[in-house]
Amino acid sequence: MITAPLRVCIDVSAAVHHRAGLGRYAHELVKGLVDLGRSEAFSQGSQPTATPATGSARANVQPLENASPLRLSAFYHQRGEAHLDPPIDQLPRVTTRLSVRPWRLATALAYFTGFGMDRLFGDAQIFHATEHLLPRLRRIRSVFTLHDLIFQFDPDSHKPLNIAFLKTMMPRFLKAADAIIAVSECSRRDAVRLYGVPADKIRVIYEGVDPKFTPITDPVRLAKVRTDYQLPDHFILHLGTIEPRKNLPLLFEAIQQLPTPLVVAGKPGWLTEPILAKVKELGVEDRVTFTGFIEDDDLPALISAASVVAMPSRYEGFGLPVLEAMACGTPVVSSNAASLPEVGGEAALYAWPDDVRSWIHLLQQTTTDEELRSSMREKGWKQAAKFRWEAMARETAKVYREVAGV
């Protein structure tokens, strides 16, 4: 019996606008679902079909035996500034010309006026909201990914308008969604406790590590990344967007007392001025290197070149750099806040996010104690191996099927 494909529209706005962690999630989700579809098509001797109307390849994803295949499409806002990477560029697309603020306002107004936004998404049966914004839908079923509730726990990390929007709309999004995916048990617990979301409405599906994250020993690749980003010979690495919740001033203070310099890899986010001013205030300008945005293909070599990856965040919904570092064989020192111990397990060393002395001690240990480094490397590989994007995509496809009742 041939079953009609389940039509799923995925919000890839964060991916096409290169929004760090949320963007990585959306891109890897699409990639994983497309890869699953190709694998199933190959095993059944068929190929993905093309859509003559758009000229784009439709990804017909068959994640499970006897399951309805998925027909994917992509949605994103602010069409003029989007950068579509494969395989997102292969999907049929629906867009709005609204930039992020007008799009948020339009969504909020739809909730308060009762206006349905279904017509924007064509013939989709399921809409997957991946960046904390769920359009008001009447006919289309919905899946909402909850990455974190940082605005509740660390409001200084957000701009006032962003906090006002999320505090007003997040309860409505969580209530309206037919199913919620949390990227960690921590985020799931927070949603249940703060908003009274029924626990059985939330499925925890972890993020993953791309196979490209592996120890890089090729001297040519390492030399190139050192030259391209002007890296010191030995360094402590921080990965992530520069914003308040990353708690970078703690590392600036630690660097005052450590012989190893710091490399901060990531583009500026919001409220960065006080963070950058702290470097000058502490007089560590010559001890801190800011690389700006790192190309994805350069990340494994960058991480492999580091002595240790430091993650002092006050709050993380998941903490992907922890796993990427472990997969590359680089020791990790992390804060013990939110989901980070859940992700790092016994493979990382932990300190409170405001305990500078402990950070100095642990960073010194992990840069000088070879026996400790070897042990952490082995544990890190085992921990990272537990998290795979293909597993995330497969579990997400199951949620789609449950929501659709097929």
Protein backbone atom coordinates (compact mmCIF):
# COMPACT_ATOMS: atom_id res chain seq x y z
CA MET A 1 0.00 0.00 0.00
CA ILE A 2 1.46 3.38 -1.05
CA THR A 3 1.03 6.10 1.56
CA ALA A 4 1.06 9.79 0.63
CA PRO A 5 4.15 11.65 1.88
CA LEU A 6 3.82 13.56 5.14
CA ARG A 7 4.43 17.22 4.25
CA VAL A 8 6.73 18.90 6.80
CA CYS A 9 7.84 22.55 6.69
CA ILE A 10 10.91 23.31 8.83
CA ASP A 11 11.86 26.81 9.98
CA VAL A 12 15.49 27.20 8.91
CA SER A 13 15.73 30.95 9.61
CA ALA A 14 18.50 30.49 12.17
CA ALA A 15 20.51 28.40 9.72
CA VAL A 16 20.28 30.74 6.74
CA HIS A 17 21.17 33.70 8.95
CA HIS A 18 24.06 31.78 10.61
CA ARG A 19 22.80 32.04 14.19
CA ALA A 20 25.39 29.82 15.89
CA GLY A 21 23.81 27.02 17.96
CA LEU A 22 20.23 27.41 16.73
CA GLY A 23 21.48 27.60 13.18
CA ARG A 24 23.57 24.46 13.58
CA TYR A 25 20.52 22.62 14.95
CA ALA A 26 18.28 23.58 12.01
CA HIS A 27 20.93 22.78 9.42
CA GLU A 28 21.83 19.42 10.93
CA LEU A 29 18.15 18.51 11.28
CA VAL A 30 17.52 19.09 7.58
CA LYS A 31 20.75 17.36 6.63
CA GLY A 32 19.90 14.36 8.81
CA LEU A 33 16.39 14.02 7.42
CA VAL A 34 17.63 14.33 3.84
CA ASP A 35 20.36 11.74 4.50
CA LEU A 36 17.79 9.38 5.96
CA GLY A 37 15.66 9.82 2.87
CA ARG A 38 18.57 9.11 0.54
CA SER A 39 19.51 6.03 2.51
CA GLU A 40 15.98 4.66 2.38
CA ALA A 41 15.61 5.51 -1.31
CA PHE A 42 18.87 3.72 -2.11
CA SER A 43 17.91 0.64 -0.10
CA GLN A 44 14.56 0.47 -1.92
CA GLY A 45 16.06 1.13 -5.36
CA SER A 46 14.36 4.50 -5.83
CA GLN A 47 15.52 8.09 -5.99
CA PRO A 48 14.22 11.36 -4.53
CA THR A 49 11.76 13.01 -6.90
CA ALA A 50 11.98 16.48 -8.40
CA THR A 51 9.32 19.13 -8.45
CA PRO A 52 8.86 20.57 -11.95
CA ALA A 53 7.15 23.70 -10.61
CA THR A 54 10.20 24.79 -8.63
CA GLY A 55 13.03 22.89 -10.24
CA SER A 56 14.16 21.95 -6.74
CA ALA A 57 14.67 18.45 -5.42
CA ARG A 58 12.11 17.40 -2.86
CA ALA A 59 13.60 15.31 -0.09
CA ASN A 60 11.34 12.30 0.38
CA VAL A 61 12.43 11.01 3.74
CA GLN A 62 11.54 7.49 4.88
CA PRO A 63 13.03 7.28 8.37
CA LEU A 64 11.36 4.07 9.49
CA GLU A 65 10.16 0.89 7.85
CA ASN A 66 6.45 1.01 6.96
CA ALA A 67 6.33 4.71 7.87
CA SER A 68 4.87 7.44 5.69
CA PRO A 69 7.73 9.21 3.89
CA LEU A 70 8.36 12.88 4.61
CA ARG A 71 8.26 15.60 1.99
CA LEU A 72 10.33 18.47 3.32
CA SER A 73 10.14 22.19 2.63
CA ALA A 74 12.01 25.06 4.25
CA PHE A 75 10.74 28.35 5.65
CA TYR A 76 12.78 31.40 6.56
CA HIS A 77 12.17 35.09 7.15
CA GLN A 78 14.10 38.07 5.75
CA ARG A 79 14.72 36.66 2.29
CA GLY A 80 17.23 39.33 1.17
CA GLU A 81 19.94 38.42 3.66
CA ALA A 82 19.66 34.64 3.66
CA HIS A 83 22.57 32.32 2.84
CA LEU A 84 21.37 28.86 1.90
CA ASP A 85 23.87 26.04 2.34
CA PRO A 86 23.33 22.47 1.11
CA PRO A 87 21.04 20.64 1.56
CA ILE A 88 18.68 23.49 2.50
CA ASP A 89 19.18 25.00 -0.94
CA GLN A 90 17.78 21.79 -2.44
CA LEU A 91 14.41 22.05 -0.72
CA PRO A 92 11.26 23.84 -1.89
CA ARG A 93 11.13 27.10 0.02
CA VAL A 94 8.53 29.47 1.40
CA THR A 95 9.64 32.83 2.72
CA THR A 96 8.50 36.16 4.05
CA ARG A 97 10.24 39.43 3.31
CA LEU A 98 9.76 40.51 6.92
CA SER A 99 12.94 40.84 8.96
CA VAL A 100 13.09 39.31 12.41
CA ARG A 101 11.40 42.10 14.39
CA PRO A 102 8.43 42.63 12.04
CA TRP A 103 8.07 38.85 11.75
CA ARG A 104 7.93 38.53 15.54
CA LEU A 105 5.40 41.36 15.74
CA ALA A 106 3.22 39.79 13.06
CA THR A 107 3.30 36.48 14.92
CA ALA A 108 2.37 38.09 18.24
CA LEU A 109 -0.51 39.98 16.63
CA ALA A 110 -1.80 36.75 15.11
CA TYR A 111 -2.00 35.18 18.57
CA PHE A 112 -3.79 38.15 20.10
CA THR A 113 -6.24 38.59 17.22
CA GLY A 114 -6.87 34.91 16.55
CA PHE A 115 -5.64 35.21 12.96
CA GLY A 116 -4.40 31.96 11.41
CA MET A 117 -1.09 32.04 9.51
CA ASP A 118 -1.44 28.65 7.80
CA ARG A 119 -1.64 30.04 4.27
CA LEU A 120 2.00 31.19 4.49
CA PHE A 121 3.18 27.57 4.53
CA GLY A 122 1.43 26.16 1.49
CA ASP A 123 0.18 22.59 1.77
CA ALA A 124 2.30 21.67 4.81
CA GLN A 125 0.73 19.27 7.29
CA ILE A 126 3.33 19.88 10.00
CA PHE A 127 5.35 23.00 10.82
CA HIS A 128 8.51 22.56 12.88
CA ALA A 129 9.49 25.71 14.80
CA THR A 130 13.24 25.57 15.49
CA GLU A 131 14.08 29.08 16.73
CA HIS A 132 11.64 29.87 19.54
CA LEU A 133 8.93 31.31 17.31
CA LEU A 134 5.78 29.39 16.43
CA PRO A 135 3.34 31.01 13.98
CA ARG A 136 -0.31 30.78 14.98
CA LEU A 137 -1.70 27.81 13.10
CA ARG A 138 -5.24 26.48 12.86
CA ARG A 139 -5.01 23.69 10.31
CA ILE A 140 -1.32 22.75 10.32
CA ARG A 141 -0.03 20.63 13.20
CA SER A 142 3.12 21.88 14.93
CA VAL A 143 6.32 20.75 16.61
CA PHE A 144 8.27 23.24 18.74
CA THR A 145 11.93 22.81 19.68
CA LEU A 146 12.75 24.29 23.08
CA HIS A 147 16.47 25.03 23.21
CA ASP A 148 16.59 26.95 26.47
CA LEU A 149 14.88 29.44 28.77
CA ILE A 150 17.87 31.72 29.26
CA PHE A 151 15.69 34.84 29.33
CA GLN A 152 14.12 33.56 32.55
CA PHE A 153 17.32 32.59 34.35
CA ASP A 154 19.81 35.17 33.06
CA PRO A 155 17.85 38.21 31.84
CA ASP A 156 21.02 40.30 31.62
CA SER A 157 21.95 38.14 28.64
CA HIS A 158 19.09 39.51 26.52
CA LYS A 159 17.96 42.88 25.30
CA PRO A 160 14.81 44.24 27.00
CA LEU A 161 12.64 43.89 23.87
CA ASN A 162 13.72 40.28 23.43
CA ILE A 163 12.91 39.49 27.05
CA ALA A 164 9.49 41.13 26.74
CA PHE A 165 8.69 39.16 23.60
CA LEU A 166 9.80 35.80 25.00
CA LYS A 167 8.12 36.26 28.37
CA THR A 168 4.89 37.19 26.61
CA MET A 169 4.97 34.61 23.84
CA MET A 170 6.87 31.57 25.09
CA PRO A 171 3.96 30.30 27.26
CA ARG A 172 1.67 30.68 24.26
CA PHE A 173 4.05 28.86 21.91
CA LEU A 174 4.46 25.95 24.32
CA LYS A 175 0.72 25.68 24.83
CA ALA A 176 -0.09 25.90 21.12
CA ALA A 177 2.46 23.32 19.96
CA ASP A 178 1.15 19.82 19.38
CA ALA A 179 4.49 18.39 20.53
CA ILE A 180 7.62 19.87 22.09
CA ILE A 181 11.19 18.70 21.59
CA ALA A 182 13.62 19.70 24.35
CA VAL A 183 17.33 19.45 23.58
CA SER A 184 18.15 18.43 27.17
CA GLU A 185 16.51 17.12 30.32
CA CYS A 186 17.40 20.46 31.89
CA SER A 187 15.28 22.39 29.36
CA ARG A 188 12.47 19.88 29.79
CA ARG A 189 12.45 20.27 33.57
CA ASP A 190 12.49 24.06 33.27
CA ALA A 191 9.48 24.06 30.94
CA VAL A 192 7.49 21.79 33.25
CA ARG A 193 8.39 23.78 36.36
CA LEU A 194 8.01 27.31 35.01
CA TYR A 195 5.08 26.89 32.63
CA GLY A 196 3.27 23.79 33.82
CA VAL A 197 3.73 22.05 30.48
CA PRO A 198 2.62 18.41 30.78
CA ALA A 199 5.75 16.29 30.96
CA ASP A 200 4.40 13.79 28.44
CA LYS A 201 4.09 16.57 25.84
CA ILE A 202 7.87 17.04 25.80
CA ARG A 203 10.31 14.62 24.15
CA VAL A 204 14.01 15.02 24.96
CA ILE A 205 16.07 14.59 21.80
CA TYR A 206 19.74 15.42 22.16
CA GLU A 207 21.79 17.26 19.59
CA GLY A 208 24.77 15.53 18.03
CA VAL A 209 28.33 15.71 16.80
CA ASP A 210 29.22 15.75 13.13
CA PRO A 211 31.72 13.03 12.08
CA LYS A 212 34.07 15.76 10.84
CA PHE A 213 34.89 16.54 14.47
CA THR A 214 37.84 14.25 14.98
CA PRO A 215 41.45 14.85 16.14
CA ILE A 216 43.33 16.74 13.42
CA THR A 217 47.03 15.86 13.36
CA ASP A 218 47.87 16.94 9.81
CA PRO A 219 50.56 19.63 10.28
CA VAL A 220 49.47 21.44 7.10
CA ARG A 221 45.87 21.86 8.29
CA LEU A 222 46.99 22.90 11.75
CA ALA A 223 49.49 25.41 10.37
CA LYS A 224 46.88 26.88 8.06
CA VAL A 225 44.32 27.44 10.79
CA ARG A 226 47.03 29.00 13.00
CA THR A 227 48.00 31.38 10.21
CA ASP A 228 44.47 32.22 9.09
CA TYR A 229 43.27 33.11 12.59
CA GLN A 230 46.63 34.35 14.00
CA LEU A 231 46.68 31.79 16.80
CA PRO A 232 49.40 31.50 19.45
CA ASP A 233 51.38 28.26 19.76
CA HIS A 234 49.48 27.13 22.87
CA PHE A 235 46.11 28.51 23.93
CA ILE A 236 42.91 28.05 25.89
CA LEU A 237 39.91 28.16 23.54
CA HIS A 238 36.42 29.48 24.02
CA LEU A 239 33.88 28.68 21.29
CA GLY A 240 30.59 30.52 20.85
CA THR A 241 28.89 33.80 20.11
CA ILE A 242 30.17 36.69 22.23
CA GLU A 243 27.29 37.56 24.55
CA PRO A 244 26.75 38.00 28.32
CA ARG A 245 25.59 34.47 29.21
CA LYS A 246 28.88 33.03 27.95
CA ASN A 247 30.51 34.57 31.05
CA LEU A 248 33.72 35.55 29.22
CA PRO A 249 34.88 38.10 31.84
CA LEU A 250 35.59 35.16 34.16
CA LEU A 251 38.06 33.79 31.62
CA PHE A 252 39.63 37.23 31.21
CA GLU A 253 40.23 37.31 34.96
CA ALA A 254 41.65 33.78 34.94
CA ILE A 255 44.03 34.63 32.11
CA GLN A 256 45.62 37.28 34.32
CA GLN A 257 46.97 34.46 36.50
CA LEU A 258 47.76 31.86 33.82
CA PRO A 259 50.73 31.53 31.46
CA THR A 260 48.53 30.26 28.60
CA PRO A 261 46.72 32.90 26.47
CA LEU A 262 43.05 32.80 25.51
CA VAL A 263 41.47 32.57 22.06
CA VAL A 264 37.82 33.63 21.76
CA ALA A 265 36.34 32.11 18.60
CA GLY A 266 32.94 33.39 17.51
CA LYS A 267 31.20 36.41 16.13
CA PRO A 268 29.80 39.23 18.30
CA GLY A 269 26.24 38.74 19.46
CA TRP A 270 24.42 41.32 21.54
CA LEU A 271 25.45 43.46 24.55
CA THR A 272 29.11 42.90 23.69
CA GLU A 273 30.48 46.34 24.62
CA PRO A 274 30.90 45.66 28.38
CA ILE A 275 32.49 42.30 27.59
CA LEU A 276 35.10 43.79 25.28
CA ALA A 277 35.68 46.67 27.71
CA LYS A 278 36.60 44.15 30.41
CA VAL A 279 39.64 43.07 28.41
CA LYS A 280 41.03 46.59 28.50
CA GLU A 281 40.02 47.11 32.11
CA LEU A 282 42.02 44.04 33.16
CA GLY A 283 44.94 44.92 30.91
CA VAL A 284 44.96 41.58 29.09
CA GLU A 285 44.69 42.84 25.50
CA ASP A 286 47.91 41.04 24.58
CA ARG A 287 46.67 37.78 26.17
CA VAL A 288 43.33 37.50 24.35
CA THR A 289 42.81 36.86 20.63
CA PHE A 290 39.39 37.41 19.04
CA THR A 291 39.08 35.45 15.81
CA GLY A 292 35.60 36.49 14.73
CA PHE A 293 33.41 34.00 12.86
CA ILE A 294 35.01 30.60 12.24
CA GLU A 295 34.23 28.70 9.06
CA ASP A 296 32.70 25.31 9.82
CA ASP A 297 35.42 23.45 7.94
CA ASP A 298 38.07 25.11 10.12
CA LEU A 299 36.50 24.17 13.46
CA PRO A 300 38.01 20.66 13.87
CA ALA A 301 41.55 21.94 13.25
CA LEU A 302 41.01 24.95 15.51
CA ILE A 303 39.75 22.78 18.36
CA SER A 304 42.53 20.23 17.84
CA ALA A 305 45.13 23.00 18.05
CA ALA A 306 43.82 24.16 21.44
CA SER A 307 45.26 22.96 24.76
CA VAL A 308 41.83 23.02 26.42
CA VAL A 309 38.31 24.26 25.64
CA ALA A 310 36.77 26.42 28.38
CA MET A 311 32.99 26.77 28.70
CA PRO A 312 32.13 29.03 31.68
CA SER A 313 28.54 29.78 30.61
CA ARG A 314 25.96 30.67 33.22
CA TYR A 315 23.30 28.85 31.22
CA GLU A 316 23.24 26.59 28.17
CA GLY A 317 20.30 24.71 26.74
CA PHE A 318 22.71 22.10 25.43
CA GLY A 319 26.34 23.19 25.02
CA LEU A 320 27.40 21.73 21.68
CA PRO A 321 31.04 22.99 21.82
CA VAL A 322 31.62 20.67 24.78
CA LEU A 323 30.93 17.60 22.65
CA GLU A 324 32.75 18.93 19.59
CA ALA A 325 35.85 19.50 21.69
CA MET A 326 35.66 16.01 23.18
CA ALA A 327 35.27 14.46 19.72
CA CYS A 328 38.47 16.25 18.69
CA GLY A 329 40.32 14.90 21.72
CA THR A 330 40.64 18.27 23.46
CA PRO A 331 40.04 18.41 27.25
CA VAL A 332 37.10 20.48 28.46
CA VAL A 333 36.66 22.61 31.56
CA SER A 334 33.03 23.66 31.95
CA SER A 335 30.74 25.42 34.36
CA ASN A 336 28.41 23.16 36.30
CA ALA A 337 25.36 25.20 35.28
CA ALA A 338 22.14 24.08 33.57
CA SER A 339 22.60 21.31 30.98
CA LEU A 340 26.41 21.34 30.77
CA PRO A 341 27.07 18.49 33.27
CA GLU A 342 24.34 16.51 31.51
CA VAL A 343 26.17 16.86 28.21
CA GLY A 344 29.77 16.57 29.40
CA GLY A 345 29.16 13.72 31.84
CA GLU A 346 32.27 12.43 33.60
CA ALA A 347 34.55 13.45 30.74
CA ALA A 348 34.82 17.16 31.66
CA LEU A 349 36.03 19.04 34.74
CA TYR A 350 33.56 21.45 36.34
CA ALA A 351 33.57 24.63 38.39
CA TRP A 352 30.98 27.15 39.50
CA PRO A 353 30.55 29.93 36.91
CA ASP A 354 31.64 32.62 39.39
CA ASP A 355 34.55 30.80 41.10
CA VAL A 356 37.62 32.32 39.42
CA ARG A 357 40.09 30.50 41.68
CA SER A 358 38.70 27.09 40.74
CA TRP A 359 38.86 27.99 37.06
CA ILE A 360 42.49 29.04 37.36
CA HIS A 361 43.33 25.76 39.12
CA LEU A 362 41.48 23.53 36.64
CA LEU A 363 42.77 25.31 33.55
CA GLN A 364 46.31 25.09 34.88
CA GLN A 365 45.85 21.37 35.50
CA THR A 366 44.46 20.58 32.08
CA THR A 367 47.22 22.47 30.27
CA THR A 368 50.12 20.91 32.18
CA ASP A 369 49.18 17.46 33.53
CA GLU A 370 49.73 15.02 30.65
CA GLU A 371 48.32 12.04 32.54
CA LEU A 372 45.11 13.96 33.26
CA ARG A 373 44.91 15.15 29.65
CA SER A 374 45.24 11.59 28.36
CA SER A 375 42.48 10.36 30.68
CA MET A 376 40.17 13.22 29.71
CA ARG A 377 40.83 12.59 26.04
CA GLU A 378 39.77 8.94 26.30
CA LYS A 379 36.67 9.77 28.34
CA GLY A 380 35.80 12.59 25.96
CA TRP A 381 35.79 10.36 22.88
CA LYS A 382 33.45 7.91 24.60
CA GLN A 383 31.12 10.66 25.76
CA ALA A 384 30.94 12.38 22.36
CA ALA A 385 30.20 9.05 20.65
CA LYS A 386 26.85 8.92 22.50
CA PHE A 387 25.52 11.93 20.58
CA ARG A 388 24.83 11.74 16.84
CA TRP A 389 22.88 14.03 14.53
CA GLU A 390 21.47 11.10 12.57
CA ALA A 391 19.89 9.80 15.78
CA MET A 392 18.40 13.25 16.40
CA ALA A 393 16.90 13.31 12.90
CA ARG A 394 15.47 9.81 13.23
CA GLU A 395 13.87 10.55 16.60
CA THR A 396 12.48 13.84 15.28
CA ALA A 397 10.91 12.01 12.32
CA LYS A 398 9.15 9.76 14.85
CA VAL A 399 7.70 12.85 16.53
CA TYR A 400 6.37 14.08 13.19
CA ARG A 401 4.63 10.76 12.63
CA GLU A 402 3.13 10.75 16.13
CA VAL A 403 1.82 14.30 15.70
CA ALA A 404 0.30 13.42 12.33
CA GLY A 405 -1.14 10.16 13.67
CA VAL A 406 0.47 7.96 11.00
